[in-house]
Amino acid sequence: MQVIENEHLKVSISPEGAELREIWNKKEGIQYMWEGDPAYWGRISPVLFPIVGRLKEDRYKVEGEEYSMNQHGFLRDVTFDLHQQGPDLVSFSFYSDKQFTAQYPYEFQAIITYLLKGESLSISWKIVNENEESMYFSIGGHPAFQIPLLEGETLADYELALLGDENVTQFELKDALVHVKENNISSPITPVLSADLFKNDALIFSNVNHVKLTSKRSGKGVEVDCAGFPYVGIWSKYDETAGTIAPFLCIEPWYGIADMHDTTGDLKEKAGINVLPAGEAFESTYFITFK
C-alpha cells in the first residue's frame, strides 16, 4: 500500500488496480471511503477500462472479430508498477504487453496518478496507444464513499446534488443495458436519497460537471468535480430482500457507458467510445474535495 498525505488528509492506494482504498481526515478522524465489505461489494474505487458497464451478452466485435469481456473490463484486476512517488503524489503504471489479446485487440500503457492539494485529491488517467492504428476504449472511475460518515446519522440526513452547465439527460438500465429515460432536465438535480432509487441499478446522467454529497446535520461530505466528463453514474448496492442499500454511495465520472439496448455490437460504433490515434495519449483528471 502506498501512502500520501498533507496536513489535512492521509490517503492509501493499492498497486492492485491502482485502487484508492482509504482517505482519512487527520484532524477529525473521518474515514471517507467505503471499507470494501464483500458481503455488499468487495471493491472500493476500481478504475474501469477498456469498457464501462456491461456489454450486450458480454461480447463485442472489432473488424469482424468477436471478443468477450466482463463488466467494467480488466484493468481493475492487474498489478501496477510504482511510477513516481512523493509526499503528496503517487503514480502507477501498467503496460499491457500482449496479456489481454484474447479479450482486447489493442496494446496500451496506463498511468494513474493521485495528487493531494489542500483538502482535495486529484485522480489523473493517462492512456497511451501503443499500436500502429487507432484504438477504441472507455475509462471510468468508481469511488465508493461511506455514507453515513458520522455515527448517529442515516441516509436520510444526506443531500445529493448534480450540477451541469446545460440541460442534462438521464439514462436508465434495463437488464444492464442503457435506455434514455429523460432529456432536457434542468440543473441542479437533487434526487431524494432512498434505497428505492437504486432498485434498477445505477442512475446515469450526461452533461453533469459537479456532484455534491453533503450531510444536512454535520455539513460533512464530498464534492466531485468531473467537468468535461461525458457521463456520471450514481450507485449503491440494493438489497432486494431487505429493501435497503449498502452503507456507501458511488459517484462515478465516466468517459464511456454500458451498451445501449439497440447496440450493433461493433466497438467502433459503441455509445460513448473514445478513439485514440496511433502513438497518441488520452489524459483526463477529476477532483474530489473532502469537507
Protein backbone atom coordinates (compact mmCIF):
# COMPACT_ATOMS: atom_id res chain seq x y z
CA MET A 1 0.00 0.00 0.00
CA GLN A 2 1.31 3.45 -0.94
CA VAL A 3 0.51 6.38 1.36
CA ILE A 4 0.47 10.09 0.55
CA GLU A 5 -0.53 12.83 2.96
CA ASN A 6 -0.58 16.51 3.82
CA GLU A 7 -1.76 18.45 6.87
CA HIS A 8 -5.41 17.68 6.08
CA LEU A 9 -5.63 14.18 4.59
CA LYS A 10 -3.93 10.79 4.60
CA VAL A 11 -4.58 8.67 1.52
CA SER A 12 -3.79 4.98 0.89
CA ILE A 13 -3.66 3.48 -2.61
CA SER A 14 -3.02 -0.14 -3.54
CA PRO A 15 -0.92 -1.17 -6.56
CA GLU A 16 -3.62 -3.79 -7.17
CA GLY A 17 -5.68 -1.98 -9.79
CA ALA A 18 -4.05 1.30 -8.65
CA GLU A 19 -7.13 1.44 -6.42
CA LEU A 20 -7.80 4.20 -3.92
CA ARG A 21 -8.53 2.47 -0.61
CA GLU A 22 -8.62 4.98 2.27
CA ILE A 23 -8.94 8.72 2.82
CA TRP A 24 -8.64 9.95 6.40
CA ASN A 25 -9.42 13.43 7.65
CA LYS A 26 -6.45 13.72 10.01
CA LYS A 27 -7.91 16.43 12.22
CA GLU A 28 -11.38 14.94 12.70
CA GLY A 29 -10.69 11.22 12.27
CA ILE A 30 -13.24 10.75 9.49
CA GLN A 31 -12.81 7.89 7.02
CA TYR A 32 -14.44 8.94 3.74
CA MET A 33 -14.05 5.72 1.74
CA TRP A 34 -16.20 2.59 1.88
CA GLU A 35 -14.45 -0.32 3.60
CA GLY A 36 -14.93 -2.87 0.81
CA ASP A 37 -17.00 -5.47 2.69
CA PRO A 38 -17.60 -8.31 0.19
CA ALA A 39 -20.95 -9.04 1.84
CA TYR A 40 -22.15 -5.99 -0.11
CA TRP A 41 -19.44 -5.14 -2.65
CA GLY A 42 -15.79 -6.06 -2.25
CA ARG A 43 -14.27 -3.16 -4.18
CA ILE A 44 -13.66 0.44 -3.10
CA SER A 45 -12.60 2.56 -6.08
CA PRO A 46 -11.80 0.46 -9.16
CA VAL A 47 -10.67 2.01 -12.44
CA LEU A 48 -12.89 0.81 -15.28
CA PHE A 49 -11.08 0.05 -18.57
CA PRO A 50 -11.33 -0.64 -21.50
CA ILE A 51 -15.12 -0.66 -21.06
CA VAL A 52 -17.50 0.99 -18.61
CA GLY A 53 -20.53 -1.04 -17.60
CA ARG A 54 -21.66 -4.18 -19.36
CA LEU A 55 -21.55 -5.25 -22.98
CA LYS A 56 -24.64 -6.79 -24.55
CA GLU A 57 -24.20 -10.52 -23.95
CA ASP A 58 -20.67 -9.64 -22.74
CA ARG A 59 -19.45 -9.57 -26.34
CA TYR A 60 -18.29 -7.08 -28.96
CA LYS A 61 -16.66 -7.03 -32.40
CA VAL A 62 -13.67 -5.28 -33.96
CA GLU A 63 -13.07 -5.65 -37.72
CA GLY A 64 -15.46 -8.60 -37.74
CA GLU A 65 -13.57 -10.45 -34.98
CA GLU A 66 -15.63 -11.25 -31.87
CA TYR A 67 -14.30 -10.80 -28.34
CA SER A 68 -15.74 -11.45 -24.88
CA MET A 69 -15.22 -9.20 -21.85
CA ASN A 70 -16.79 -8.98 -18.41
CA GLN A 71 -18.42 -5.88 -16.95
CA HIS A 72 -16.05 -2.90 -16.46
CA GLY A 73 -13.10 -4.61 -18.17
CA PHE A 74 -9.87 -5.96 -16.71
CA LEU A 75 -7.64 -3.07 -15.57
CA ARG A 76 -9.09 -3.12 -12.05
CA ASP A 77 -7.59 -6.62 -11.57
CA VAL A 78 -3.99 -6.06 -12.69
CA THR A 79 -0.97 -5.16 -10.55
CA PHE A 80 0.56 -1.79 -11.42
CA ASP A 81 4.20 -0.76 -11.05
CA LEU A 82 5.16 2.24 -8.97
CA HIS A 83 5.89 5.01 -11.46
CA GLN A 84 6.54 8.09 -9.32
CA GLN A 85 6.28 8.93 -5.63
CA GLY A 86 6.48 11.96 -3.36
CA PRO A 87 4.98 13.07 -0.03
CA ASP A 88 1.70 14.19 -1.63
CA LEU A 89 1.84 12.40 -5.00
CA VAL A 90 1.95 8.80 -6.19
CA SER A 91 1.72 7.46 -9.73
CA PHE A 92 1.32 3.89 -11.03
CA SER A 93 1.90 2.45 -14.48
CA PHE A 94 0.90 -0.69 -16.36
CA TYR A 95 1.87 -1.91 -19.83
CA SER A 96 -0.43 -4.47 -21.45
CA ASP A 97 2.40 -6.39 -23.23
CA LYS A 98 0.02 -8.75 -25.08
CA GLN A 99 -1.54 -10.06 -21.85
CA PHE A 100 -5.10 -9.38 -22.95
CA THR A 101 -5.14 -10.03 -26.69
CA ALA A 102 -7.84 -12.68 -26.27
CA GLN A 103 -10.14 -10.03 -24.76
CA TYR A 104 -8.94 -6.79 -26.33
CA PRO A 105 -7.02 -6.36 -29.61
CA TYR A 106 -5.02 -3.24 -28.63
CA GLU A 107 -1.78 -2.66 -26.74
CA PHE A 108 -1.60 0.25 -24.32
CA GLN A 109 0.13 1.83 -21.35
CA ALA A 110 -1.95 3.14 -18.44
CA ILE A 111 -0.63 5.67 -15.91
CA ILE A 112 -2.79 6.59 -12.91
CA THR A 113 -1.73 9.47 -10.65
CA TYR A 114 -3.04 10.67 -7.29
CA LEU A 115 -2.14 14.17 -6.05
CA LEU A 116 -3.14 15.88 -2.81
CA LYS A 117 -3.63 19.63 -2.66
CA GLY A 118 -5.22 21.06 0.47
CA GLU A 119 -8.46 19.21 1.13
CA SER A 120 -8.72 17.89 -2.43
CA LEU A 121 -7.41 14.81 -4.22
CA SER A 122 -6.97 14.73 -7.99
CA ILE A 123 -7.12 11.44 -9.89
CA SER A 124 -5.50 11.54 -13.33
CA TRP A 125 -5.54 8.94 -16.08
CA LYS A 126 -3.17 8.70 -19.00
CA ILE A 127 -3.72 6.06 -21.69
CA VAL A 128 -1.04 5.71 -24.36
CA ASN A 129 -1.87 3.98 -27.65
CA GLU A 130 0.99 1.55 -28.37
CA ASN A 131 -0.48 0.40 -31.70
CA GLU A 132 0.10 1.40 -35.31
CA GLU A 133 -3.63 2.07 -35.65
CA SER A 134 -6.31 3.92 -33.70
CA MET A 135 -7.55 2.20 -30.54
CA TYR A 136 -11.07 2.32 -29.12
CA PHE A 137 -11.73 2.38 -25.39
CA SER A 138 -13.75 3.67 -22.46
CA ILE A 139 -12.45 4.56 -18.99
CA GLY A 140 -14.19 5.47 -15.76
CA GLY A 141 -13.90 5.98 -12.03
CA HIS A 142 -15.96 4.12 -9.42
CA PRO A 143 -15.13 5.61 -5.97
CA ALA A 144 -17.42 4.47 -3.14
CA PHE A 145 -17.89 6.92 -0.29
CA GLN A 146 -19.00 5.86 3.15
CA ILE A 147 -22.50 7.03 3.99
CA PRO A 148 -23.28 7.95 6.66
CA LEU A 149 -19.91 9.42 7.59
CA LEU A 150 -20.66 10.04 11.26
CA GLU A 151 -22.21 7.90 13.96
CA GLY A 152 -25.88 8.65 14.55
CA GLU A 153 -26.56 9.81 11.00
CA THR A 154 -28.72 8.00 8.45
CA LEU A 155 -29.09 8.02 4.69
CA ALA A 156 -31.98 10.45 5.05
CA ASP A 157 -29.61 13.03 6.56
CA TYR A 158 -27.73 13.37 3.26
CA GLU A 159 -28.38 15.54 0.22
CA LEU A 160 -27.23 14.72 -3.31
CA ALA A 161 -26.93 17.46 -5.94
CA LEU A 162 -25.80 17.16 -9.56
CA LEU A 163 -24.94 20.36 -11.42
CA GLY A 164 -24.43 20.94 -15.13
CA ASP A 165 -23.85 23.91 -17.43
CA GLU A 166 -26.62 22.78 -19.77
CA ASN A 167 -29.67 20.57 -19.72
CA VAL A 168 -28.98 17.05 -18.52
CA THR A 169 -30.02 13.70 -19.98
CA GLN A 170 -30.82 10.84 -17.62
CA PHE A 171 -30.43 7.21 -18.65
CA GLU A 172 -31.72 4.05 -17.03
CA LEU A 173 -30.53 0.46 -17.03
CA LYS A 174 -32.77 -2.43 -18.01
CA ASP A 175 -31.09 -5.83 -17.87
CA ALA A 176 -27.77 -3.92 -17.56
CA LEU A 177 -28.32 -2.15 -20.92
CA VAL A 178 -28.87 1.58 -21.37
CA HIS A 179 -32.10 3.35 -22.35
CA VAL A 180 -32.74 7.10 -22.42
CA LYS A 181 -35.09 7.96 -19.53
CA GLU A 182 -35.47 11.75 -19.78
CA ASN A 183 -33.97 14.56 -21.86
CA ASN A 184 -33.51 18.26 -21.12
CA ILE A 185 -33.53 18.09 -17.31
CA SER A 186 -32.71 21.43 -15.70
CA SER A 187 -29.77 21.64 -13.30
CA PRO A 188 -29.34 21.25 -10.38
CA ILE A 189 -30.79 17.76 -9.99
CA THR A 190 -31.48 16.83 -6.37
CA PRO A 191 -32.88 13.29 -6.09
CA VAL A 192 -34.02 12.40 -2.57
CA LEU A 193 -31.70 9.65 -1.36
CA SER A 194 -33.53 6.41 -0.63
CA ALA A 195 -32.98 2.73 -1.28
CA ASP A 196 -35.70 2.74 -3.96
CA LEU A 197 -33.52 4.97 -6.18
CA PHE A 198 -31.23 2.02 -6.86
CA LYS A 199 -33.74 -0.78 -7.40
CA ASN A 200 -32.80 -0.82 -11.10
CA ASP A 201 -29.06 -0.35 -10.61
CA ALA A 202 -27.16 2.91 -11.18
CA LEU A 203 -28.51 6.35 -12.03
CA ILE A 204 -26.71 7.66 -15.13
CA PHE A 205 -26.52 11.25 -16.38
CA SER A 206 -24.78 13.19 -19.13
CA ASN A 207 -23.69 16.86 -19.05
CA VAL A 208 -23.02 16.87 -15.29
CA ASN A 209 -19.93 18.80 -14.15
CA HIS A 210 -20.16 18.66 -10.39
CA VAL A 211 -21.66 16.30 -7.79
CA LYS A 212 -22.12 17.12 -4.10
CA LEU A 213 -22.95 14.66 -1.31
CA THR A 214 -23.48 16.51 1.98
CA SER A 215 -24.83 15.78 5.44
CA LYS A 216 -27.59 18.21 6.41
CA ARG A 217 -26.70 17.61 10.07
CA SER A 218 -22.91 17.88 10.15
CA GLY A 219 -22.10 19.63 6.86
CA LYS A 220 -19.55 16.90 6.13
CA GLY A 221 -19.36 15.25 2.75
CA VAL A 222 -17.61 15.06 -0.60
CA GLU A 223 -17.69 17.06 -3.81
CA VAL A 224 -16.63 15.54 -7.14
CA ASP A 225 -15.57 17.89 -9.93
CA CYS A 226 -15.98 15.96 -13.19
CA ALA A 227 -16.18 18.85 -15.66
CA GLY A 228 -15.69 17.63 -19.22
CA PHE A 229 -16.66 14.03 -18.47
CA PRO A 230 -19.46 12.88 -20.80
CA TYR A 231 -21.22 10.77 -18.14
CA VAL A 232 -21.53 10.29 -14.41
CA GLY A 233 -23.01 7.32 -12.57
CA ILE A 234 -24.52 7.28 -9.07
CA TRP A 235 -24.80 3.84 -7.49
CA SER A 236 -25.22 1.83 -4.34
CA LYS A 237 -25.81 -1.88 -3.90
CA TYR A 238 -29.53 -2.57 -3.49
CA ASP A 239 -30.66 -5.45 -1.26
CA GLU A 240 -33.97 -6.63 -2.70
CA THR A 241 -34.83 -8.82 0.30
CA ALA A 242 -34.28 -6.12 2.90
CA GLY A 243 -35.31 -3.18 0.72
CA THR A 244 -32.16 -1.32 1.77
CA ILE A 245 -28.85 -0.26 0.23
CA ALA A 246 -25.28 -0.81 1.36
CA PRO A 247 -23.66 1.93 3.53
CA PHE A 248 -21.90 3.60 0.61
CA LEU A 249 -22.63 5.78 -2.40
CA CYS A 250 -20.55 5.72 -5.58
CA ILE A 251 -20.04 8.91 -7.61
CA GLU A 252 -18.56 7.73 -10.92
CA PRO A 253 -17.07 10.01 -13.60
CA TRP A 254 -17.04 8.16 -16.93
CA TYR A 255 -15.60 8.50 -20.40
CA GLY A 256 -17.90 5.76 -21.60
CA ILE A 257 -21.16 3.98 -20.83
CA ALA A 258 -22.66 0.48 -20.87
CA ASP A 259 -24.02 -0.81 -24.16
CA MET A 260 -27.23 0.75 -25.42
CA HIS A 261 -30.10 -1.70 -25.75
CA ASP A 262 -30.00 -1.33 -29.54
CA THR A 263 -26.21 -1.62 -29.94
CA THR A 264 -24.75 -3.14 -33.10
CA GLY A 265 -22.01 -4.79 -31.03
CA ASP A 266 -19.28 -3.09 -33.07
CA LEU A 267 -16.83 -1.44 -30.66
CA LYS A 268 -16.18 1.40 -33.11
CA GLU A 269 -19.91 2.24 -33.06
CA LYS A 270 -20.37 1.86 -29.29
CA ALA A 271 -22.05 4.78 -27.48
CA GLY A 272 -19.51 6.89 -25.59
CA ILE A 273 -16.45 5.20 -27.14
CA ASN A 274 -13.18 7.14 -27.32
CA VAL A 275 -10.91 6.99 -30.36
CA LEU A 276 -7.17 7.43 -29.76
CA PRO A 277 -4.87 7.75 -32.81
CA ALA A 278 -1.73 5.63 -33.09
CA GLY A 279 1.06 6.69 -30.75
CA GLU A 280 -1.00 9.37 -29.02
CA ALA A 281 -2.14 9.73 -25.39
CA PHE A 282 -5.50 10.37 -23.76
CA GLU A 283 -5.40 12.30 -20.48
CA SER A 284 -8.14 13.27 -18.05
CA THR A 285 -8.46 14.31 -14.40
CA TYR A 286 -11.23 14.56 -11.86
CA PHE A 287 -11.09 16.07 -8.38
CA ILE A 288 -12.60 15.07 -5.03
CA THR A 289 -12.86 17.62 -2.24
CA PHE A 290 -13.49 16.42 1.31
CA LYS A 291 -15.48 18.59 3.69
